[in-house]
PDB file of N, CA and C in Angstrom:
ATOM      1  N   ASP A   1      -5.948  -4.784 -15.878  1.00  0.00           N
ATOM      2  CA  ASP A   1      -5.733  -3.463 -15.319  1.00  0.00           C
ATOM      3  C   ASP A   1      -5.623  -3.550 -13.802  1.00  0.00           C
ATOM      4  N   HIS A   2      -4.907  -2.607 -13.231  1.00  0.00           N
ATOM      5  CA  HIS A   2      -4.704  -2.591 -11.793  1.00  0.00           C
ATOM      6  C   HIS A   2      -5.002  -1.203 -11.253  1.00  0.00           C
ATOM      7  N   ILE A   3      -5.561  -1.170 -10.066  1.00  0.00           N
ATOM      8  CA  ILE A   3      -5.900   0.093  -9.421  1.00  0.00           C
ATOM      9  C   ILE A   3      -5.078   0.206  -8.151  1.00  0.00           C
ATOM     10  N   LYS A   4      -4.293   1.268  -8.058  1.00  0.00           N
ATOM     11  CA  LYS A   4      -3.452   1.487  -6.889  1.00  0.00           C
ATOM     12  C   LYS A   4      -4.208   2.259  -5.816  1.00  0.00           C
ATOM     13  N   ALA A   5      -3.946   1.895  -4.572  1.00  0.00           N
ATOM     14  CA  ALA A   5      -4.391   2.673  -3.423  1.00  0.00           C
ATOM     15  C   ALA A   5      -3.111   3.176  -2.765  1.00  0.00           C
ATOM     16  N   TYR A   6      -2.772   4.421  -2.992  1.00  0.00           N
ATOM     17  CA  TYR A   6      -1.533   5.003  -2.491  1.00  0.00           C
ATOM     18  C   TYR A   6      -1.775   5.480  -1.066  1.00  0.00           C
ATOM     19  N   TRP A   7      -1.437   4.633  -0.108  1.00  0.00           N
ATOM     20  CA  TRP A   7      -1.803   4.877   1.284  1.00  0.00           C
ATOM     21  C   TRP A   7      -1.221   6.159   1.846  1.00  0.00           C
ATOM     22  N   VAL A   8      -0.086   6.619   1.345  1.00  0.00           N
ATOM     23  CA  VAL A   8       0.524   7.848   1.863  1.00  0.00           C
ATOM     24  C   VAL A   8      -0.410   9.032   1.641  1.00  0.00           C
ATOM     25  N   MET A   9      -1.025   9.091   0.472  1.00  0.00           N
ATOM     26  CA  MET A   9      -1.936  10.192   0.158  1.00  0.00           C
ATOM     27  C   MET A   9      -3.342   9.956   0.709  1.00  0.00           C
ATOM     28  N   LEU A  10      -3.792   8.694   0.712  1.00  0.00           N
ATOM     29  CA  LEU A  10      -5.158   8.383   1.139  1.00  0.00           C
ATOM     30  C   LEU A  10      -5.303   8.244   2.647  1.00  0.00           C
ATOM     31  N   GLY A  11      -4.240   7.851   3.308  1.00  0.00           N
ATOM     32  CA  GLY A  11      -4.314   7.454   4.707  1.00  0.00           C
ATOM     33  C   GLY A  11      -4.553   5.955   4.766  1.00  0.00           C
ATOM     34  N   LYS A  12      -4.169   5.346   5.861  1.00  0.00           N
ATOM     35  CA  LYS A  12      -4.242   3.886   5.974  1.00  0.00           C
ATOM     36  C   LYS A  12      -5.678   3.367   5.905  1.00  0.00           C
ATOM     37  N   ALA A  13      -6.587   3.978   6.637  1.00  0.00           N
ATOM     38  CA  ALA A  13      -7.972   3.490   6.670  1.00  0.00           C
ATOM     39  C   ALA A  13      -8.639   3.602   5.305  1.00  0.00           C
ATOM     40  N   THR A  14      -8.435   4.717   4.615  1.00  0.00           N
ATOM     41  CA  THR A  14      -9.046   4.890   3.293  1.00  0.00           C
ATOM     42  C   THR A  14      -8.424   3.932   2.285  1.00  0.00           C
ATOM     43  N   ALA A  15      -7.122   3.680   2.398  1.00  0.00           N
ATOM     44  CA  ALA A  15      -6.472   2.721   1.504  1.00  0.00           C
ATOM     45  C   ALA A  15      -7.036   1.324   1.719  1.00  0.00           C
ATOM     46  N   GLN A  16      -7.281   0.946   2.978  1.00  0.00           N
ATOM     47  CA  GLN A  16      -7.903  -0.352   3.259  1.00  0.00           C
ATOM     48  C   GLN A  16      -9.301  -0.409   2.652  1.00  0.00           C
ATOM     49  N   THR A  17     -10.057   0.651   2.783  1.00  0.00           N
ATOM     50  CA  THR A  17     -11.404   0.706   2.210  1.00  0.00           C
ATOM     51  C   THR A  17     -11.338   0.602   0.692  1.00  0.00           C
ATOM     52  N   ALA A  18     -10.340   1.235   0.079  1.00  0.00           N
ATOM     53  CA  ALA A  18     -10.184   1.191  -1.379  1.00  0.00           C
ATOM     54  C   ALA A  18     -10.021  -0.243  -1.875  1.00  0.00           C
ATOM     55  N   LEU A  19      -9.403  -1.108  -1.065  1.00  0.00           N
ATOM     56  CA  LEU A  19      -9.267  -2.514  -1.447  1.00  0.00           C
ATOM     57  C   LEU A  19     -10.639  -3.160  -1.635  1.00  0.00           C
ATOM     58  N   HIS A  20     -11.610  -2.753  -0.828  1.00  0.00           N
ATOM     59  CA  HIS A  20     -12.964  -3.300  -0.924  1.00  0.00           C
ATOM     60  C   HIS A  20     -13.735  -2.742  -2.121  1.00  0.00           C
ATOM     61  N   PHE A  21     -13.216  -1.675  -2.720  1.00  0.00           N
ATOM     62  CA  PHE A  21     -13.882  -1.058  -3.865  1.00  0.00           C
ATOM     63  C   PHE A  21     -13.104  -1.259  -5.161  1.00  0.00           C
ATOM     64  N   GLY A  22     -12.232  -2.284  -5.197  1.00  0.00           N
ATOM     65  CA  GLY A  22     -11.579  -2.651  -6.442  1.00  0.00           C
ATOM     66  C   GLY A  22     -10.095  -2.390  -6.540  1.00  0.00           C
ATOM     67  N   ALA A  23      -9.525  -1.618  -5.636  1.00  0.00           N
ATOM     68  CA  ALA A  23      -8.072  -1.428  -5.677  1.00  0.00           C
ATOM     69  C   ALA A  23      -7.412  -2.774  -5.397  1.00  0.00           C
ATOM     70  N   ASN A  24      -6.361  -3.078  -6.145  1.00  0.00           N
ATOM     71  CA  ASN A  24      -5.673  -4.352  -5.935  1.00  0.00           C
ATOM     72  C   ASN A  24      -4.168  -4.173  -5.816  1.00  0.00           C
ATOM     73  N   ASP A  25      -3.746  -2.949  -5.555  1.00  0.00           N
ATOM     74  CA  ASP A  25      -2.326  -2.659  -5.409  1.00  0.00           C
ATOM     75  C   ASP A  25      -2.170  -1.598  -4.331  1.00  0.00           C
ATOM     76  N   LEU A  26      -1.785  -2.027  -3.141  1.00  0.00           N
ATOM     77  CA  LEU A  26      -1.548  -1.095  -2.044  1.00  0.00           C
ATOM     78  C   LEU A  26      -0.130  -0.584  -2.197  1.00  0.00           C
ATOM     79  N   ASP A  27       0.008   0.691  -2.462  1.00  0.00           N
ATOM     80  CA  ASP A  27       1.299   1.264  -2.812  1.00  0.00           C
ATOM     81  C   ASP A  27       1.693   2.323  -1.803  1.00  0.00           C
ATOM     82  N   GLY A  28       2.994   2.477  -1.614  1.00  0.00           N
ATOM     83  CA  GLY A  28       3.475   3.498  -0.704  1.00  0.00           C
ATOM     84  C   GLY A  28       4.959   3.736  -0.843  1.00  0.00           C
ATOM     85  N   THR A  29       5.519   3.443  -1.994  1.00  0.00           N
ATOM     86  CA  THR A  29       6.947   3.632  -2.214  1.00  0.00           C
ATOM     87  C   THR A  29       7.277   5.113  -2.230  1.00  0.00           C
ATOM     88  N   ILE A  30       8.287   5.477  -1.481  1.00  0.00           N
ATOM     89  CA  ILE A  30       8.717   6.868  -1.408  1.00  0.00           C
ATOM     90  C   ILE A  30      10.138   6.961  -1.952  1.00  0.00           C
ATOM     91  N   THR A  31      10.378   7.920  -2.820  1.00  0.00           N
ATOM     92  CA  THR A  31      11.727   8.143  -3.329  1.00  0.00           C
ATOM     93  C   THR A  31      12.484   9.036  -2.360  1.00  0.00           C
ATOM     94  N   ASP A  32      13.775   9.185  -2.585  1.00  0.00           N
ATOM     95  CA  ASP A  32      14.596  10.023  -1.710  1.00  0.00           C
ATOM     96  C   ASP A  32      14.122  11.465  -1.681  1.00  0.00           C
ATOM     97  N   GLY A  33      13.519  11.932  -2.753  1.00  0.00           N
ATOM     98  CA  GLY A  33      13.047  13.310  -2.801  1.00  0.00           C
ATOM     99  C   GLY A  33      11.596  13.427  -2.388  1.00  0.00           C
ATOM    100  N   GLY A  34      11.163  12.695  -1.371  1.00  0.00           N
ATOM    101  CA  GLY A  34       9.759  12.613  -0.997  1.00  0.00           C
ATOM    102  C   GLY A  34       9.224  13.758  -0.170  1.00  0.00           C
ATOM    103  N   GLU A  35       9.888  14.909  -0.172  1.00  0.00           N
ATOM    104  CA  GLU A  35       9.432  16.016   0.663  1.00  0.00           C
ATOM    105  C   GLU A  35       8.022  16.469   0.300  1.00  0.00           C
ATOM    106  N   LEU A  36       7.709  16.555  -0.981  1.00  0.00           N
ATOM    107  CA  LEU A  36       6.377  16.984  -1.403  1.00  0.00           C
ATOM    108  C   LEU A  36       5.328  15.995  -0.924  1.00  0.00           C
ATOM    109  N   THR A  37       5.608  14.697  -1.107  1.00  0.00           N
ATOM    110  CA  THR A  37       4.674  13.682  -0.646  1.00  0.00           C
ATOM    111  C   THR A  37       4.500  13.776   0.862  1.00  0.00           C
ATOM    112  N   HIS A  38       5.579  13.987   1.589  1.00  0.00           N
ATOM    113  CA  HIS A  38       5.502  14.100   3.042  1.00  0.00           C
ATOM    114  C   HIS A  38       4.623  15.284   3.431  1.00  0.00           C
ATOM    115  N   ALA A  39       4.729  16.373   2.698  1.00  0.00           N
ATOM    116  CA  ALA A  39       3.942  17.561   3.010  1.00  0.00           C
ATOM    117  C   ALA A  39       2.451  17.313   2.819  1.00  0.00           C
ATOM    118  N   TYR A  40       2.100  16.419   1.905  1.00  0.00           N
ATOM    119  CA  TYR A  40       0.696  16.154   1.610  1.00  0.00           C
ATOM    120  C   TYR A  40       0.224  14.806   2.140  1.00  0.00           C
ATOM    121  N   ALA A  41       1.022  14.160   2.960  1.00  0.00           N
ATOM    122  CA  ALA A  41       0.645  12.862   3.507  1.00  0.00           C
ATOM    123  C   ALA A  41      -0.618  13.004   4.344  1.00  0.00           C
ATOM    124  N   ALA A  42      -1.547  12.084   4.154  1.00  0.00           N
ATOM    125  CA  ALA A  42      -2.848  12.162   4.816  1.00  0.00           C
ATOM    126  C   ALA A  42      -2.731  12.106   6.330  1.00  0.00           C
ATOM    127  N   GLU A  43      -1.838  11.292   6.841  1.00  0.00           N
ATOM    128  CA  GLU A  43      -1.727  11.118   8.286  1.00  0.00           C
ATOM    129  C   GLU A  43      -0.350  11.507   8.798  1.00  0.00           C
ATOM    130  N   GLY A  44       0.435  12.200   7.990  1.00  0.00           N
ATOM    131  CA  GLY A  44       1.758  12.614   8.405  1.00  0.00           C
ATOM    132  C   GLY A  44       2.797  11.510   8.344  1.00  0.00           C
ATOM    133  N   GLU A  45       2.411  10.318   7.902  1.00  0.00           N
ATOM    134  CA  GLU A  45       3.340   9.195   7.812  1.00  0.00           C
ATOM    135  C   GLU A  45       3.715   8.954   6.363  1.00  0.00           C
ATOM    136  N   VAL A  46       4.955   8.592   6.126  1.00  0.00           N
ATOM    137  CA  VAL A  46       5.374   8.282   4.764  1.00  0.00           C
ATOM    138  C   VAL A  46       6.073   6.931   4.658  1.00  0.00           C
ATOM    139  N   LYS A  47       6.219   6.217   5.780  1.00  0.00           N
ATOM    140  CA  LYS A  47       6.893   4.923   5.724  1.00  0.00           C
ATOM    141  C   LYS A  47       6.136   3.890   6.546  1.00  0.00           C
ATOM    142  N   MET A  48       6.130   2.670   6.045  1.00  0.00           N
ATOM    143  CA  MET A  48       5.655   1.508   6.792  1.00  0.00           C
ATOM    144  C   MET A  48       6.608   0.372   6.483  1.00  0.00           C
ATOM    145  N   THR A  49       6.775  -0.525   7.433  1.00  0.00           N
ATOM    146  CA  THR A  49       7.583  -1.708   7.170  1.00  0.00           C
ATOM    147  C   THR A  49       6.772  -2.677   6.318  1.00  0.00           C
ATOM    148  N   LYS A  50       7.458  -3.637   5.731  1.00  0.00           N
ATOM    149  CA  LYS A  50       6.776  -4.665   4.946  1.00  0.00           C
ATOM    150  C   LYS A  50       5.754  -5.389   5.824  1.00  0.00           C
ATOM    151  N   ALA A  51       6.138  -5.698   7.053  1.00  0.00           N
ATOM    152  CA  ALA A  51       5.231  -6.392   7.974  1.00  0.00           C
ATOM    153  C   ALA A  51       3.989  -5.551   8.264  1.00  0.00           C
ATOM    154  N   GLU A  52       4.149  -4.238   8.407  1.00  0.00           N
ATOM    155  CA  GLU A  52       3.001  -3.361   8.658  1.00  0.00           C
ATOM    156  C   GLU A  52       2.048  -3.331   7.465  1.00  0.00           C
ATOM    157  N   ILE A  53       2.604  -3.291   6.258  1.00  0.00           N
ATOM    158  CA  ILE A  53       1.769  -3.282   5.054  1.00  0.00           C
ATOM    159  C   ILE A  53       1.013  -4.606   4.930  1.00  0.00           C
ATOM    160  N   ILE A  54       1.707  -5.716   5.181  1.00  0.00           N
ATOM    161  CA  ILE A  54       1.064  -7.033   5.114  1.00  0.00           C
ATOM    162  C   ILE A  54      -0.072  -7.111   6.124  1.00  0.00           C
ATOM    163  N   THR A  55       0.183  -6.668   7.341  1.00  0.00           N
ATOM    164  CA  THR A  55      -0.848  -6.685   8.385  1.00  0.00           C
ATOM    165  C   THR A  55      -2.035  -5.820   7.995  1.00  0.00           C
ATOM    166  N   MET A  56      -1.773  -4.658   7.414  1.00  0.00           N
ATOM    167  CA  MET A  56      -2.846  -3.766   6.981  1.00  0.00           C
ATOM    168  C   MET A  56      -3.730  -4.446   5.940  1.00  0.00           C
ATOM    169  N   ILE A  57      -3.118  -5.137   4.986  1.00  0.00           N
ATOM    170  CA  ILE A  57      -3.866  -5.846   3.943  1.00  0.00           C
ATOM    171  C   ILE A  57      -4.674  -6.988   4.558  1.00  0.00           C
ATOM    172  N   GLN A  58      -4.045  -7.764   5.426  1.00  0.00           N
ATOM    173  CA  GLN A  58      -4.728  -8.891   6.061  1.00  0.00           C
ATOM    174  C   GLN A  58      -5.871  -8.416   6.954  1.00  0.00           C
ATOM    175  N   ASN A  59      -5.677  -7.320   7.675  1.00  0.00           N
ATOM    176  CA  ASN A  59      -6.739  -6.782   8.532  1.00  0.00           C
ATOM    177  C   ASN A  59      -7.938  -6.301   7.722  1.00  0.00           C
ATOM    178  N   ALA A  60      -7.701  -5.980   6.448  1.00  0.00           N
ATOM    179  CA  ALA A  60      -8.802  -5.587   5.564  1.00  0.00           C
ATOM    180  C   ALA A  60      -9.499  -6.816   4.978  1.00  0.00           C
ATOM    181  N   GLY A  61      -8.953  -8.014   5.249  1.00  0.00           N
ATOM    182  CA  GLY A  61      -9.583  -9.244   4.790  1.00  0.00           C
ATOM    183  C   GLY A  61      -9.047  -9.783   3.480  1.00  0.00           C
ATOM    184  N   PHE A  62      -7.844  -9.352   3.095  1.00  0.00           N
ATOM    185  CA  PHE A  62      -7.268  -9.775   1.825  1.00  0.00           C
ATOM    186  C   PHE A  62      -5.945 -10.494   2.033  1.00  0.00           C
ATOM    187  N   GLU A  63      -5.519 -11.227   1.008  1.00  0.00           N
ATOM    188  CA  GLU A  63      -4.230 -11.911   1.026  1.00  0.00           C
ATOM    189  C   GLU A  63      -3.168 -10.951   0.490  1.00  0.00           C
ATOM    190  N   ALA A  64      -2.091 -10.800   1.227  1.00  0.00           N
ATOM    191  CA  ALA A  64      -0.979  -9.961   0.771  1.00  0.00           C
ATOM    192  C   ALA A  64      -0.081 -10.792  -0.135  1.00  0.00           C
ATOM    193  N   VAL A  65       0.165 -10.291  -1.343  1.00  0.00           N
ATOM    194  CA  VAL A  65       1.004 -10.992  -2.311  1.00  0.00           C
ATOM    195  C   VAL A  65       1.994 -10.000  -2.897  1.00  0.00           C
ATOM    196  N   GLU A  66       3.261 -10.367  -2.877  1.00  0.00           N
ATOM    197  CA  GLU A  66       4.284  -9.524  -3.495  1.00  0.00           C
ATOM    198  C   GLU A  66       4.292  -9.800  -4.989  1.00  0.00           C
ATOM    199  N   ARG A  67       4.337  -8.730  -5.780  1.00  0.00           N
ATOM    200  CA  ARG A  67       4.323  -8.866  -7.236  1.00  0.00           C
ATOM    201  C   ARG A  67       5.466  -8.061  -7.845  1.00  0.00           C
ATOM    202  N   ASP A  68       5.866  -8.459  -9.060  1.00  0.00           N
ATOM    203  CA  ASP A  68       6.904  -7.705  -9.754  1.00  0.00           C
ATOM    204  C   ASP A  68       6.274  -6.537 -10.511  1.00  0.00           C
ATOM    205  N   THR A  69       7.060  -5.847 -11.320  1.00  0.00           N
ATOM    206  CA  THR A  69       6.568  -4.637 -11.984  1.00  0.00           C
ATOM    207  C   THR A  69       5.486  -4.891 -13.022  1.00  0.00           C
ATOM    208  N   VAL A  70       5.336  -6.140 -13.485  1.00  0.00           N
ATOM    209  CA  VAL A  70       4.264  -6.461 -14.429  1.00  0.00           C
ATOM    210  C   VAL A  70       3.204  -7.342 -13.771  1.00  0.00           C
ATOM    211  N   TYR A  71       3.160  -7.313 -12.445  1.00  0.00           N
ATOM    212  CA  TYR A  71       2.132  -7.944 -11.619  1.00  0.00           C
ATOM    213  C   TYR A  71       2.163  -9.471 -11.608  1.00  0.00           C
ATOM    214  N   ASN A  72       3.299 -10.073 -11.920  1.00  0.00           N
ATOM    215  CA  ASN A  72       3.448 -11.510 -11.723  1.00  0.00           C
ATOM    216  C   ASN A  72       3.708 -11.761 -10.248  1.00  0.00           C
ATOM    217  N   ARG A  73       3.114 -12.817  -9.710  1.00  0.00           N
ATOM    218  CA  ARG A  73       3.314 -13.158  -8.305  1.00  0.00           C
ATOM    219  C   ARG A  73       4.775 -13.531  -8.083  1.00  0.00           C
ATOM    220  N   VAL A  74       5.406 -12.907  -7.083  1.00  0.00           N
ATOM    221  CA  VAL A  74       6.798 -13.201  -6.761  1.00  0.00           C
ATOM    222  C   VAL A  74       6.837 -14.245  -5.655  1.00  0.00           C
ATOM    223  N   VAL A  75       6.303 -13.914  -4.516  1.00  0.00           N
ATOM    224  CA  VAL A  75       6.222 -14.827  -3.375  1.00  0.00           C
ATOM    225  C   VAL A  75       4.988 -14.452  -2.576  1.00  0.00           C
ATOM    226  N   GLU A  76       4.469 -15.410  -1.826  1.00  0.00           N
ATOM    227  CA  GLU A  76       3.403 -15.058  -0.896  1.00  0.00           C
ATOM    228  C   GLU A  76       4.033 -14.277   0.232  1.00  0.00           C
ATOM    229  N   ALA A  77       3.448 -13.170   0.559  1.00  0.00           N
ATOM    230  CA  ALA A  77       3.989 -12.327   1.616  1.00  0.00           C
ATOM    231  C   ALA A  77       3.745 -12.981   2.965  1.00  0.00           C
ATOM    232  N   ALA A  78       4.730 -12.926   3.812  1.00  0.00           N
ATOM    233  CA  ALA A  78       4.601 -13.463   5.167  1.00  0.00           C
ATOM    234  C   ALA A  78       5.119 -12.435   6.151  1.00  0.00           C
ATOM    235  N   VAL A  79       4.453 -12.348   7.277  1.00  0.00           N
ATOM    236  CA  VAL A  79       4.860 -11.381   8.304  1.00  0.00           C
ATOM    237  C   VAL A  79       6.094 -11.880   8.993  1.00  0.00           C
TER     238      VAL A  79
END
């Protein structure tokens, strides 16, 4: 099982904290119709670059790993 920390709704700091409490999937994918998500975004942000997400995970003390839709490791993430 996997637990997502959806940083757009939680905010970056809370999403990082969620990693320490068992979340193992930092998520933030936004679809083209993301107006509702934008309206409820915790910090008013709805986008981060791959490098920003990797840095956020590493700053929380974890290894950033890219995975496919069934959680198989694709590549080690690098900034």
